[in-house]
Amino acid sequence: MRRACLLLLIAASCVSPEDDSDLQLSPVPPPGKEDGQYHAGLPTSLDSSRTDVWKVTAQWEDKDPQTGKTWDERFGEWVHSFEWTPGVDGWSTTFKLVTPEGKVLPAPQLECAETALFLRIAFASWHGLPLQFEAVDGNQRVYFGHFGIRTASGNYAGMPEFAVRYRDYTGTDTTKGWPHDETLRKKIIHGGEDTQPELADGATFGTYADEVFLNKRTAYFTLLALDYLGSANLADSANTYNLQPDAVRPGDILLERWQANGIGHTLVVKDVTPVGTSSLDVTLVSGSMPRRQGVKASGAASKQYFTGDYTGGPGYGKLGGGLKRFRVAKARNGYWTNTWMEGDEAHWINSTDIMAIEARPARFEKLLGEVPLDQQKAELIAQIGDARHHLSMYPASCAAREQRENAFRALYDVEYRLEQKSQTQVDADQRKLEDYVFAPLDYSHSMTCCWDSSTSAMYDIIMMEAQADKAAADAAKVCTAPVVFEADANGTYKRWVDYAASINRAADWRAYKDDEACNLHADTLGSTAAAPYCSM
């Protein structure tokens, strides 16, 4: 699996929404001078009576008379209010989702951009707020929102007429039972396995949406929006805008982008806590590919994301990464216009202001307060454990390999400041055989990184082979560096295929699958700061 969760795939053609294929649409072309306060979309006068998903009954700038908070601020408060809970994987920490009816569900298993999109769509729908996401199919603009899925000329690609096809049970007395849609409960999100074991065996996101939404129109719309939109659409300044670091708050999103087109990673800002008078502690949550419940990343882990080059750092500012806030749709001059809240202009950074964008990681380095060294050490060791655990489930994951190495690099510094330990001493204390077997790969040039469907059974085979090699070397009283799990010069995994057959586990080895359509045929080792295996 690559470092990120979600592909920006080729622009989808006009296919049936029932077609089991990758459907994601391209972002709007680079805005140039268009990246200003107003980005006009569909006319407010269009007749959407048949395609409406929900009716607009409030505006984002409306204020709660009790608190004085706008709906945009209340979105952030809602995200912040989620309680932490153990993940269904028995390892990670995730969150509980609360609906307006007071229904509490464990977080769904989603890819990273899907997590951010789902939360925004759900909140807007529940509170009757206008919503508009923009994408491109070929030469035409496509809009996803409260009005359905449309182009300027009408309904897009045979999309459902939500208002006439599906039911809205909003206002139903749920004490008499939650209304269900049995067809909806069988629907899936395409582009990878869709299972929701946090609900029940055999559940899909259609099942989850049926349990979350009384308005079944929103449920069907959400499934389609997650099919067609991805991290590149969130990076698009038509849908979000670049934000000053000091303005960060819950509900914002952090994007990693290391290429103009292709995969990226999306994280949702869950908590922002002041530390002293001038620092912040930020907690992030993110899904992944393969889909997972949103996983908590706090303290040192979050700081690594905010200060990394991929979040718009030097040399990467043009790629759309960094801290973003959702634009809000307002009726302006006859059009649904994506803009920002009054007063947020001071926090906006134009997407063409590369110098300001690339300065943000350095600002976050100073802004995000440091916790005590012993706590940092504990968090970093936990991160390493998390990465190892993920690899034990998905041994082809390049994301987990890189996360582990980033945590080790930070741990070297912490251990030196804490106990003056050298890097070699830290490796001797903390490194395991598996860290060398699953050495980092260059995700831009490695076919293994595109293999999302590797399994825990395969991990067992890989490690059994490595341990057998080590036992043989120990018996001969020599040291041999472990063989890295990667494609060989022929683009195959013959070594492990043969070993699986030799221990009667050939059926447990899956054939390679280019899950992310990368079209690569070799692997390239990435960089690591680990001491050579035999030096320890």
Protein backbone atom coordinates (compact mmCIF):
# COMPACT_ATOMS: atom_id res chain seq x y z
CA MET A 1 0.00 0.00 0.00
CA ARG A 2 1.29 3.44 -0.82
CA ARG A 3 1.81 6.18 1.70
CA ALA A 4 -1.60 7.69 1.09
CA CYS A 5 -5.06 6.43 0.95
CA LEU A 6 -6.74 7.68 -2.15
CA LEU A 7 -6.10 7.86 -5.84
CA LEU A 8 -6.97 10.75 -8.06
CA LEU A 9 -7.80 8.53 -10.98
CA ILE A 10 -8.37 9.44 -14.59
CA ALA A 11 -11.44 11.51 -15.23
CA ALA A 12 -14.51 9.34 -15.22
CA SER A 13 -16.54 9.08 -18.35
CA CYS A 14 -20.33 9.08 -18.27
CA VAL A 15 -20.90 5.65 -16.78
CA SER A 16 -23.77 4.25 -14.81
CA PRO A 17 -23.45 4.89 -11.08
CA GLU A 18 -24.12 1.17 -10.63
CA ASP A 19 -20.99 0.28 -12.62
CA ASP A 20 -18.45 -1.44 -10.35
CA SER A 21 -15.41 0.57 -11.36
CA ASP A 22 -13.30 3.49 -10.24
CA LEU A 23 -15.35 6.57 -10.99
CA GLN A 24 -13.41 9.44 -9.50
CA LEU A 25 -13.51 12.79 -11.22
CA SER A 26 -10.67 15.22 -11.78
CA PRO A 27 -10.23 18.46 -9.84
CA VAL A 28 -10.96 21.78 -11.43
CA PRO A 29 -7.97 23.10 -13.45
CA PRO A 30 -5.46 25.25 -11.53
CA PRO A 31 -7.29 28.47 -10.66
CA GLY A 32 -4.63 31.07 -11.28
CA LYS A 33 -6.21 34.36 -10.26
CA GLU A 34 -9.59 32.66 -9.68
CA ASP A 35 -8.55 31.48 -6.22
CA GLY A 36 -10.29 34.33 -4.47
CA GLN A 37 -13.15 34.74 -2.09
CA TYR A 38 -15.90 33.77 -4.53
CA HIS A 39 -16.15 30.67 -6.71
CA ALA A 40 -19.53 30.64 -8.48
CA GLY A 41 -21.17 27.31 -9.26
CA LEU A 42 -24.73 26.39 -10.20
CA PRO A 43 -27.51 28.99 -10.47
CA THR A 44 -29.72 29.20 -7.39
CA SER A 45 -32.71 29.46 -9.75
CA LEU A 46 -32.29 25.98 -11.25
CA ASP A 47 -35.24 23.66 -10.86
CA SER A 48 -33.88 20.91 -8.63
CA SER A 49 -37.25 19.78 -7.30
CA ARG A 50 -36.68 16.25 -8.61
CA THR A 51 -32.97 15.96 -7.85
CA ASP A 52 -32.85 17.60 -4.40
CA VAL A 53 -31.13 15.56 -1.71
CA TRP A 54 -32.23 17.87 1.10
CA LYS A 55 -33.87 21.28 1.36
CA VAL A 56 -31.79 24.27 2.44
CA THR A 57 -33.35 25.59 5.65
CA ALA A 58 -30.35 27.37 7.21
CA GLN A 59 -27.17 29.18 6.19
CA TRP A 60 -23.63 28.54 7.38
CA GLU A 61 -23.39 32.08 8.79
CA ASP A 62 -26.57 31.71 10.89
CA LYS A 63 -25.71 32.01 14.56
CA ASP A 64 -26.94 29.99 17.50
CA PRO A 65 -28.68 32.59 19.71
CA GLN A 66 -27.44 30.81 22.83
CA THR A 67 -23.75 30.61 21.94
CA GLY A 68 -23.31 33.10 19.10
CA LYS A 69 -21.56 30.37 17.07
CA THR A 70 -22.15 29.99 13.32
CA TRP A 71 -22.98 26.64 11.76
CA ASP A 72 -19.45 26.54 10.32
CA GLU A 73 -18.03 26.88 13.82
CA ARG A 74 -20.51 24.34 15.12
CA PHE A 75 -19.29 21.85 12.51
CA GLY A 76 -15.86 22.06 14.13
CA GLU A 77 -17.37 21.72 17.60
CA TRP A 78 -19.24 18.61 16.45
CA VAL A 79 -16.03 16.97 15.20
CA HIS A 80 -14.30 17.95 18.44
CA SER A 81 -17.12 16.38 20.48
CA PHE A 82 -16.52 12.84 19.19
CA GLU A 83 -15.55 10.48 22.02
CA TRP A 84 -12.55 8.23 21.59
CA THR A 85 -13.14 4.49 21.61
CA PRO A 86 -11.10 1.34 20.85
CA GLY A 87 -11.09 0.42 17.16
CA VAL A 88 -12.67 -2.76 15.86
CA ASP A 89 -9.18 -3.97 14.94
CA GLY A 90 -8.39 -4.33 18.64
CA TRP A 91 -5.34 -2.12 18.24
CA SER A 92 -6.08 1.47 17.24
CA THR A 93 -8.11 4.27 18.82
CA THR A 94 -11.01 5.65 16.81
CA PHE A 95 -14.08 7.79 17.52
CA LYS A 96 -17.81 7.49 18.09
CA LEU A 97 -20.14 9.30 15.69
CA VAL A 98 -23.23 11.00 17.15
CA THR A 99 -26.28 11.85 15.01
CA PRO A 100 -28.81 14.63 15.73
CA GLU A 101 -31.21 11.93 16.96
CA GLY A 102 -28.65 10.99 19.61
CA LYS A 103 -27.75 7.74 17.88
CA VAL A 104 -24.14 6.73 18.59
CA LEU A 105 -22.21 4.56 16.15
CA PRO A 106 -18.54 3.58 15.92
CA ALA A 107 -16.65 5.35 13.14
CA PRO A 108 -17.11 3.77 9.69
CA GLN A 109 -14.30 2.08 7.78
CA LEU A 110 -13.38 4.55 5.04
CA GLU A 111 -10.46 5.79 3.01
CA CYS A 112 -8.93 9.02 4.23
CA ALA A 113 -10.63 11.51 1.89
CA GLU A 114 -13.88 9.58 2.29
CA THR A 115 -13.75 10.23 6.03
CA ALA A 116 -13.51 14.01 5.55
CA LEU A 117 -16.19 14.09 2.85
CA PHE A 118 -18.60 11.92 4.84
CA LEU A 119 -18.39 14.14 7.91
CA ARG A 120 -19.00 17.34 5.93
CA ILE A 121 -21.91 15.89 3.92
CA ALA A 122 -23.56 14.40 7.01
CA PHE A 123 -23.42 17.65 8.99
CA ALA A 124 -24.72 19.77 6.10
CA SER A 125 -27.59 17.37 5.42
CA TRP A 126 -28.67 17.02 9.03
CA HIS A 127 -28.88 20.78 9.51
CA GLY A 128 -30.28 21.81 6.11
CA LEU A 129 -27.16 23.69 5.05
CA PRO A 130 -26.18 24.40 1.42
CA LEU A 131 -23.37 22.24 0.06
CA GLN A 132 -21.50 22.31 -3.24
CA PHE A 133 -18.45 20.28 -4.28
CA GLU A 134 -17.07 20.84 -7.76
CA ALA A 135 -15.19 18.42 -10.06
CA VAL A 136 -14.50 17.91 -13.77
CA ASP A 137 -15.45 15.14 -16.19
CA GLY A 138 -13.68 15.81 -19.47
CA ASN A 139 -14.64 19.37 -20.38
CA GLN A 140 -17.71 19.70 -18.17
CA ARG A 141 -18.04 20.82 -14.56
CA VAL A 142 -19.90 18.47 -12.23
CA TYR A 143 -21.45 19.66 -8.97
CA PHE A 144 -22.32 17.53 -5.94
CA GLY A 145 -24.57 19.14 -3.36
CA HIS A 146 -27.91 19.55 -1.68
CA PHE A 147 -29.38 19.88 -5.21
CA GLY A 148 -28.13 16.46 -6.33
CA ILE A 149 -25.36 15.60 -8.78
CA ARG A 150 -25.64 17.93 -11.74
CA THR A 151 -23.94 19.90 -14.49
CA ALA A 152 -24.92 23.38 -15.67
CA SER A 153 -27.15 21.77 -18.29
CA GLY A 154 -28.95 19.24 -16.10
CA ASN A 155 -28.63 15.96 -14.24
CA TYR A 156 -25.18 14.35 -14.56
CA ALA A 157 -24.64 10.98 -16.23
CA GLY A 158 -27.99 9.46 -15.39
CA MET A 159 -27.64 10.14 -11.68
CA PRO A 160 -30.71 9.40 -9.54
CA GLU A 161 -33.45 11.94 -9.10
CA PHE A 162 -33.06 11.73 -5.36
CA ALA A 163 -36.22 13.60 -4.38
CA VAL A 164 -38.55 11.30 -6.32
CA ARG A 165 -36.64 8.03 -6.06
CA TYR A 166 -35.77 7.78 -2.36
CA ARG A 167 -37.53 8.43 0.94
CA ASP A 168 -36.81 11.04 3.59
CA TYR A 169 -37.86 9.92 7.06
CA THR A 170 -36.55 13.03 8.84
CA GLY A 171 -38.80 13.79 11.79
CA THR A 172 -39.90 10.18 12.18
CA ASP A 173 -40.42 9.00 15.75
CA THR A 174 -37.46 6.64 16.00
CA THR A 175 -38.59 5.29 19.37
CA LYS A 176 -40.92 3.12 17.30
CA GLY A 177 -38.02 1.79 15.25
CA TRP A 178 -35.46 3.08 12.79
CA PRO A 179 -36.74 3.05 9.18
CA HIS A 180 -34.61 0.92 6.86
CA ASP A 181 -34.02 0.66 3.12
CA GLU A 182 -33.06 -2.92 2.30
CA THR A 183 -31.68 -2.03 -1.14
CA LEU A 184 -29.48 0.68 0.37
CA ARG A 185 -28.12 -1.71 2.98
CA LYS A 186 -26.52 -3.81 0.24
CA LYS A 187 -24.80 -0.90 -1.54
CA ILE A 188 -21.02 -0.51 -1.46
CA ILE A 189 -18.41 2.15 -2.10
CA HIS A 190 -16.33 1.11 -5.09
CA GLY A 191 -12.55 1.25 -5.48
CA GLY A 192 -11.56 -1.39 -2.92
CA GLU A 193 -13.10 -3.69 -0.36
CA ASP A 194 -16.04 -2.19 1.53
CA THR A 195 -16.76 -3.96 4.81
CA GLN A 196 -18.08 -2.47 8.05
CA PRO A 197 -17.33 -5.06 10.76
CA GLU A 198 -17.91 -2.41 13.43
CA LEU A 199 -21.62 -2.91 12.66
CA ALA A 200 -21.87 -6.59 11.77
CA ASP A 201 -20.37 -9.31 9.61
CA GLY A 202 -21.35 -8.70 6.01
CA ALA A 203 -22.23 -5.05 6.55
CA THR A 204 -21.19 -2.50 3.90
CA PHE A 205 -21.14 1.28 3.91
CA GLY A 206 -24.65 1.12 2.51
CA THR A 207 -25.63 -0.59 5.76
CA TYR A 208 -23.82 2.10 7.73
CA ALA A 209 -25.48 4.93 5.79
CA ASP A 210 -28.88 3.35 6.37
CA GLU A 211 -28.20 3.36 10.11
CA VAL A 212 -26.91 6.95 10.14
CA PHE A 213 -29.36 8.77 7.87
CA LEU A 214 -33.12 9.03 8.29
CA ASN A 215 -32.99 10.86 4.96
CA LYS A 216 -32.23 7.95 2.64
CA ARG A 217 -31.65 10.44 -0.19
CA THR A 218 -28.57 11.65 1.68
CA ALA A 219 -27.45 8.06 2.18
CA TYR A 220 -27.54 7.27 -1.55
CA PHE A 221 -25.97 10.64 -2.38
CA THR A 222 -23.11 10.03 0.08
CA LEU A 223 -22.27 6.68 -1.48
CA LEU A 224 -22.03 8.31 -4.91
CA ALA A 225 -20.06 11.31 -3.66
CA LEU A 226 -17.49 9.00 -2.06
CA ASP A 227 -17.28 7.03 -5.32
CA TYR A 228 -16.63 10.10 -7.46
CA LEU A 229 -14.68 12.50 -5.21
CA GLY A 230 -11.29 12.04 -3.58
CA SER A 231 -8.30 13.71 -1.99
CA ALA A 232 -7.39 15.67 -5.13
CA ASN A 233 -10.87 17.22 -5.11
CA LEU A 234 -10.32 18.24 -1.48
CA ALA A 235 -7.01 19.82 -2.47
CA ASP A 236 -8.87 21.76 -5.16
CA SER A 237 -9.24 25.43 -4.21
CA ALA A 238 -12.77 25.35 -5.65
CA ASN A 239 -13.80 23.24 -2.64
CA THR A 240 -11.35 24.20 0.12
CA TYR A 241 -8.90 27.01 0.73
CA ASN A 242 -5.40 27.25 2.18
CA LEU A 243 -5.40 28.28 5.83
CA GLN A 244 -2.93 30.14 8.03
CA PRO A 245 -1.43 27.81 10.68
CA ASP A 246 -2.54 29.92 13.66
CA ALA A 247 -6.18 29.62 12.56
CA VAL A 248 -6.34 25.81 12.76
CA ARG A 249 -9.44 24.41 14.45
CA PRO A 250 -11.40 21.13 14.59
CA GLY A 251 -13.06 20.21 11.31
CA ASP A 252 -10.18 21.52 9.17
CA ILE A 253 -8.28 19.06 7.01
CA LEU A 254 -4.58 18.46 6.43
CA LEU A 255 -3.52 17.17 3.02
CA GLU A 256 -0.31 15.46 1.99
CA ARG A 257 0.49 15.88 -1.70
CA TRP A 258 3.77 14.84 -3.27
CA GLN A 259 2.62 14.83 -6.90
CA ALA A 260 0.31 16.97 -8.99
CA ASN A 261 -1.78 13.98 -10.02
CA GLY A 262 -2.13 10.72 -8.20
CA ILE A 263 -2.53 9.62 -4.64
CA GLY A 264 -2.49 11.84 -1.56
CA HIS A 265 -3.38 11.59 2.11
CA THR A 266 -6.15 13.40 4.00
CA LEU A 267 -6.33 13.88 7.76
CA VAL A 268 -9.13 15.55 9.73
CA VAL A 269 -8.30 17.92 12.59
CA LYS A 270 -10.13 16.46 15.59
CA ASP A 271 -8.88 18.46 18.60
CA VAL A 272 -6.93 21.70 19.05
CA THR A 273 -5.81 22.37 22.63
CA PRO A 274 -3.82 25.44 23.76
CA VAL A 275 -0.49 24.66 25.45
CA GLY A 276 0.67 27.58 27.56
CA THR A 277 0.19 30.99 25.98
CA SER A 278 1.57 30.52 22.49
CA SER A 279 1.49 26.84 21.52
CA LEU A 280 -1.08 24.27 20.42
CA ASP A 281 -1.53 20.54 20.70
CA VAL A 282 -3.41 19.11 17.70
CA THR A 283 -4.98 15.69 17.31
CA LEU A 284 -5.66 14.27 13.85
CA VAL A 285 -7.80 11.37 12.68
CA SER A 286 -7.66 9.62 9.31
CA GLY A 287 -8.92 6.69 7.32
CA SER A 288 -6.67 4.80 4.93
CA MET A 289 -6.46 2.40 2.01
CA PRO A 290 -7.51 -0.38 2.52
CA ARG A 291 -10.43 1.22 4.32
CA ARG A 292 -10.23 1.49 8.09
CA GLN A 293 -11.93 3.29 10.94
CA GLY A 294 -10.52 6.77 11.46
CA VAL A 295 -7.36 6.34 13.53
CA LYS A 296 -6.23 8.83 16.16
CA ALA A 297 -2.86 10.54 15.75
CA SER A 298 -1.90 12.91 18.57
CA GLY A 299 1.12 14.77 19.89
CA ALA A 300 4.33 13.85 18.14
CA ALA A 301 2.54 11.97 15.34
CA SER A 302 0.41 14.96 14.35
CA LYS A 303 3.39 17.29 14.48
CA GLN A 304 5.25 15.08 12.01
CA TYR A 305 2.39 15.49 9.54
CA PHE A 306 2.09 19.26 9.96
CA THR A 307 5.83 19.87 9.62
CA GLY A 308 6.48 17.43 6.76
CA ASP A 309 7.41 18.53 3.26
CA TYR A 310 4.36 16.82 1.76
CA THR A 311 1.98 19.17 3.57
CA GLY A 312 3.10 22.01 1.32
CA GLY A 313 6.70 22.30 2.47
CA PRO A 314 9.60 23.68 0.42
CA GLY A 315 9.44 22.34 -3.12
CA TYR A 316 5.90 20.99 -2.67
CA GLY A 317 3.83 24.16 -2.41
CA LYS A 318 2.34 23.90 -5.89
CA LEU A 319 0.88 20.44 -5.29
CA GLY A 320 -2.07 21.44 -3.11
CA GLY A 321 -0.96 20.03 0.23
CA GLY A 322 -1.22 21.59 3.66
CA LEU A 323 -3.88 22.89 6.04
CA LYS A 324 -7.29 23.51 4.40
CA ARG A 325 -10.76 24.57 5.44
CA PHE A 326 -13.96 23.68 3.60
CA ARG A 327 -15.48 26.50 1.60
CA VAL A 328 -19.12 27.22 2.43
CA ALA A 329 -21.82 27.55 -0.23
CA LYS A 330 -23.71 30.85 -0.19
CA ALA A 331 -26.36 32.23 -2.52
CA ARG A 332 -24.65 35.20 -4.15
CA ASN A 333 -25.63 37.13 -7.30
CA GLY A 334 -27.89 34.30 -8.43
CA TYR A 335 -25.36 31.46 -7.99
CA TRP A 336 -24.41 28.95 -5.32
CA THR A 337 -20.98 30.35 -4.61
CA ASN A 338 -18.25 28.57 -2.66
CA THR A 339 -16.58 31.09 -0.39
CA TRP A 340 -15.51 31.46 3.22
CA MET A 341 -17.08 32.78 6.37
CA GLU A 342 -17.01 36.47 7.17
CA GLY A 343 -13.74 37.23 8.91
CA ASP A 344 -11.92 34.19 7.49
CA GLU A 345 -10.32 36.22 4.68
CA ALA A 346 -7.54 37.11 7.12
CA HIS A 347 -6.77 33.40 7.43
CA TRP A 348 -6.80 32.63 3.69
CA ILE A 349 -3.67 31.98 1.64
CA ASN A 350 -3.99 32.22 -2.13
CA SER A 351 -3.02 28.95 -3.82
CA THR A 352 -0.61 30.93 -6.04
CA ASP A 353 1.23 32.34 -3.00
CA ILE A 354 3.78 29.54 -2.95
CA MET A 355 6.11 31.33 -0.54
CA ALA A 356 3.39 31.62 2.12
CA ILE A 357 2.25 28.05 1.58
CA GLU A 358 5.75 26.63 1.88
CA ALA A 359 6.38 28.64 5.05
CA ARG A 360 3.61 26.82 6.95
CA PRO A 361 5.51 23.69 8.05
CA ALA A 362 8.19 25.87 9.68
CA ARG A 363 5.48 27.88 11.44
CA PHE A 364 3.88 24.67 12.70
CA GLU A 365 7.28 23.57 14.01
CA LYS A 366 7.13 26.53 16.39
CA LEU A 367 3.37 26.58 16.96
CA LEU A 368 2.85 22.96 17.95
CA GLY A 369 4.07 22.70 21.51
CA GLU A 370 6.40 19.97 22.67
CA VAL A 371 5.23 17.54 25.31
CA PRO A 372 7.75 16.24 27.90
CA LEU A 373 10.52 14.08 26.43
CA ASP A 374 9.46 10.92 28.23
CA GLN A 375 5.93 11.33 26.85
CA GLN A 376 7.34 11.94 23.36
CA LYS A 377 9.37 8.75 23.67
CA ALA A 378 6.29 6.76 24.67
CA GLU A 379 4.25 8.20 21.80
CA LEU A 380 6.97 7.49 19.24
CA ILE A 381 7.41 3.91 20.41
CA ALA A 382 3.62 3.53 20.17
CA GLN A 383 3.74 4.89 16.60
CA ILE A 384 6.39 2.34 15.70
CA GLY A 385 4.20 -0.37 17.17
CA ASP A 386 1.20 0.90 15.19
CA ALA A 387 3.18 0.79 11.94
CA ARG A 388 4.41 -2.74 12.67
CA HIS A 389 0.89 -3.85 13.45
CA HIS A 390 -0.39 -2.41 10.17
CA LEU A 391 2.36 -4.23 8.29
CA SER A 392 1.35 -7.46 9.99
CA MET A 393 -2.07 -7.01 8.37
CA TYR A 394 -0.91 -5.53 5.03
CA PRO A 395 2.75 -6.44 4.43
CA ALA A 396 2.93 -4.54 1.12
CA SER A 397 2.15 -1.25 2.87
CA CYS A 398 4.71 1.42 2.03
CA ALA A 399 2.84 3.92 4.20
CA ALA A 400 3.46 1.87 7.34
CA ARG A 401 7.13 1.38 6.46
CA GLU A 402 7.62 5.12 6.06
CA GLN A 403 5.61 5.95 9.21
CA ARG A 404 7.83 3.60 11.19
CA GLU A 405 11.02 5.15 9.86
CA ASN A 406 9.78 8.70 10.49
CA ALA A 407 9.00 7.74 14.06
CA PHE A 408 12.48 6.21 14.46
CA ARG A 409 14.11 9.40 13.18
CA ALA A 410 12.21 11.42 15.77
CA LEU A 411 13.01 8.83 18.45
CA TYR A 412 16.77 9.16 17.81
CA ASP A 413 16.54 12.86 18.64
CA VAL A 414 14.35 12.37 21.71
CA GLU A 415 16.52 9.57 23.12
CA TYR A 416 19.66 11.67 22.69
CA ARG A 417 18.12 14.62 24.50
CA LEU A 418 16.64 12.39 27.17
CA GLU A 419 19.54 10.02 27.91
CA GLN A 420 22.31 10.96 25.43
CA LYS A 421 21.81 7.67 23.60
CA SER A 422 23.39 7.30 20.20
CA GLN A 423 21.41 6.27 17.16
CA THR A 424 23.10 2.87 17.19
CA GLN A 425 22.09 2.35 20.82
CA VAL A 426 18.50 3.23 20.04
CA ASP A 427 18.47 0.77 17.14
CA ALA A 428 19.98 -1.92 19.36
CA ASP A 429 17.23 -1.31 21.93
CA GLN A 430 14.26 -0.89 19.63
CA ARG A 431 14.84 -2.43 16.20
CA LYS A 432 13.35 -5.80 15.32
CA LEU A 433 14.01 -8.25 12.51
CA GLU A 434 10.78 -7.20 10.79
CA ASP A 435 12.02 -3.60 10.46
CA TYR A 436 14.72 -4.85 8.10
CA VAL A 437 12.49 -7.32 6.26
CA PHE A 438 10.04 -4.50 5.61
CA ALA A 439 12.59 -1.82 4.81
CA PRO A 440 11.15 1.35 3.23
CA LEU A 441 10.48 1.47 -0.50
CA ASP A 442 10.31 4.48 -2.81
CA TYR A 443 6.54 4.63 -3.26
CA SER A 444 6.79 6.60 -6.52
CA HIS A 445 8.87 3.86 -8.15
CA SER A 446 7.76 0.64 -6.44
CA MET A 447 5.07 -1.72 -7.64
CA THR A 448 4.75 -3.27 -4.16
CA CYS A 449 3.41 0.06 -2.88
CA CYS A 450 0.42 -0.28 -5.21
CA TRP A 451 -0.58 -3.67 -3.76
CA ASP A 452 -3.36 -2.93 -1.25
CA SER A 453 -4.68 -6.48 -1.02
CA SER A 454 -1.77 -8.22 0.72
CA THR A 455 -2.80 -10.19 3.83
CA SER A 456 -1.78 -11.18 7.35
CA ALA A 457 -1.26 -14.77 6.14
CA MET A 458 1.29 -13.46 3.65
CA TYR A 459 3.01 -11.55 6.46
CA ASP A 460 3.32 -14.82 8.41
CA ILE A 461 4.93 -16.52 5.41
CA ILE A 462 7.37 -13.64 4.84
CA MET A 463 8.46 -13.60 8.48
CA MET A 464 8.71 -17.40 8.71
CA GLU A 465 11.06 -17.32 5.73
CA ALA A 466 13.13 -14.54 7.31
CA GLN A 467 13.35 -16.40 10.62
CA ALA A 468 14.40 -19.59 8.82
CA ASP A 469 17.17 -17.63 7.07
CA LYS A 470 18.29 -16.17 10.40
CA ALA A 471 18.33 -19.59 12.06
CA ALA A 472 20.50 -20.95 9.26
CA ALA A 473 22.90 -18.01 9.55
CA ASP A 474 23.06 -18.37 13.32
CA ALA A 475 23.88 -22.07 12.97
CA ALA A 476 26.71 -21.20 10.59
CA LYS A 477 27.86 -18.45 12.99
CA VAL A 478 27.62 -15.76 10.36
CA CYS A 479 25.47 -12.66 10.04
CA THR A 480 23.45 -12.10 6.90
CA ALA A 481 21.20 -9.09 6.42
CA PRO A 482 17.54 -10.11 5.98
CA VAL A 483 16.12 -10.17 2.48
CA VAL A 484 13.81 -7.18 2.03
CA PHE A 485 10.26 -8.01 1.05
CA GLU A 486 10.07 -6.41 -2.40
CA ALA A 487 9.59 -7.40 -6.01
CA ASP A 488 12.60 -9.08 -7.59
CA ALA A 489 14.33 -7.94 -10.77
CA ASN A 490 11.65 -9.69 -12.83
CA GLY A 491 8.83 -7.95 -11.00
CA THR A 492 7.79 -11.12 -9.16
CA TYR A 493 7.77 -12.44 -5.59
CA LYS A 494 9.09 -15.88 -6.48
CA ARG A 495 11.18 -16.27 -3.31
CA TRP A 496 8.10 -16.13 -1.07
CA VAL A 497 5.83 -17.98 -3.50
CA ASP A 498 8.30 -20.88 -3.47
CA TYR A 499 8.69 -20.79 0.29
CA ALA A 500 4.91 -20.80 0.80
CA ALA A 501 4.70 -23.90 -1.37
CA SER A 502 7.55 -25.58 0.56
CA ILE A 503 5.61 -25.27 3.84
CA ASN A 504 2.30 -26.31 2.28
CA ARG A 505 0.84 -22.79 2.41
CA ALA A 506 0.75 -21.98 -1.29
CA ALA A 507 -2.98 -21.24 -1.03
CA ASP A 508 -2.25 -18.46 1.48
CA TRP A 509 -0.15 -16.47 -0.98
CA ARG A 510 -2.09 -14.03 -3.13
CA ALA A 511 -0.99 -13.13 -6.63
CA TYR A 512 0.14 -9.56 -7.13
CA LYS A 513 -2.60 -7.09 -8.00
CA ASP A 514 -2.00 -3.52 -9.14
CA ASP A 515 -4.77 -2.18 -6.88
CA GLU A 516 -3.90 1.47 -7.49
CA ALA A 517 -3.38 1.25 -11.27
CA CYS A 518 0.22 2.46 -10.96
CA ASN A 519 1.50 0.40 -13.89
CA LEU A 520 4.93 -0.13 -12.29
CA HIS A 521 7.04 -3.26 -12.79
CA ALA A 522 9.88 -3.00 -10.29
CA ASP A 523 10.76 -1.81 -6.79
CA THR A 524 13.25 0.76 -5.52
CA LEU A 525 14.49 0.86 -1.95
CA GLY A 526 13.77 4.04 -0.02
CA SER A 527 15.97 5.80 2.50
CA THR A 528 16.40 4.59 6.05
CA ALA A 529 18.41 5.79 9.02
CA ALA A 530 18.57 2.30 10.52
CA ALA A 531 21.98 0.97 11.46
CA PRO A 532 23.08 -1.92 9.20
CA TYR A 533 21.58 -5.12 10.54
CA CYS A 534 24.84 -6.92 11.11
CA SER A 535 26.45 -3.94 12.83
CA MET A 536 24.25 -4.57 15.84
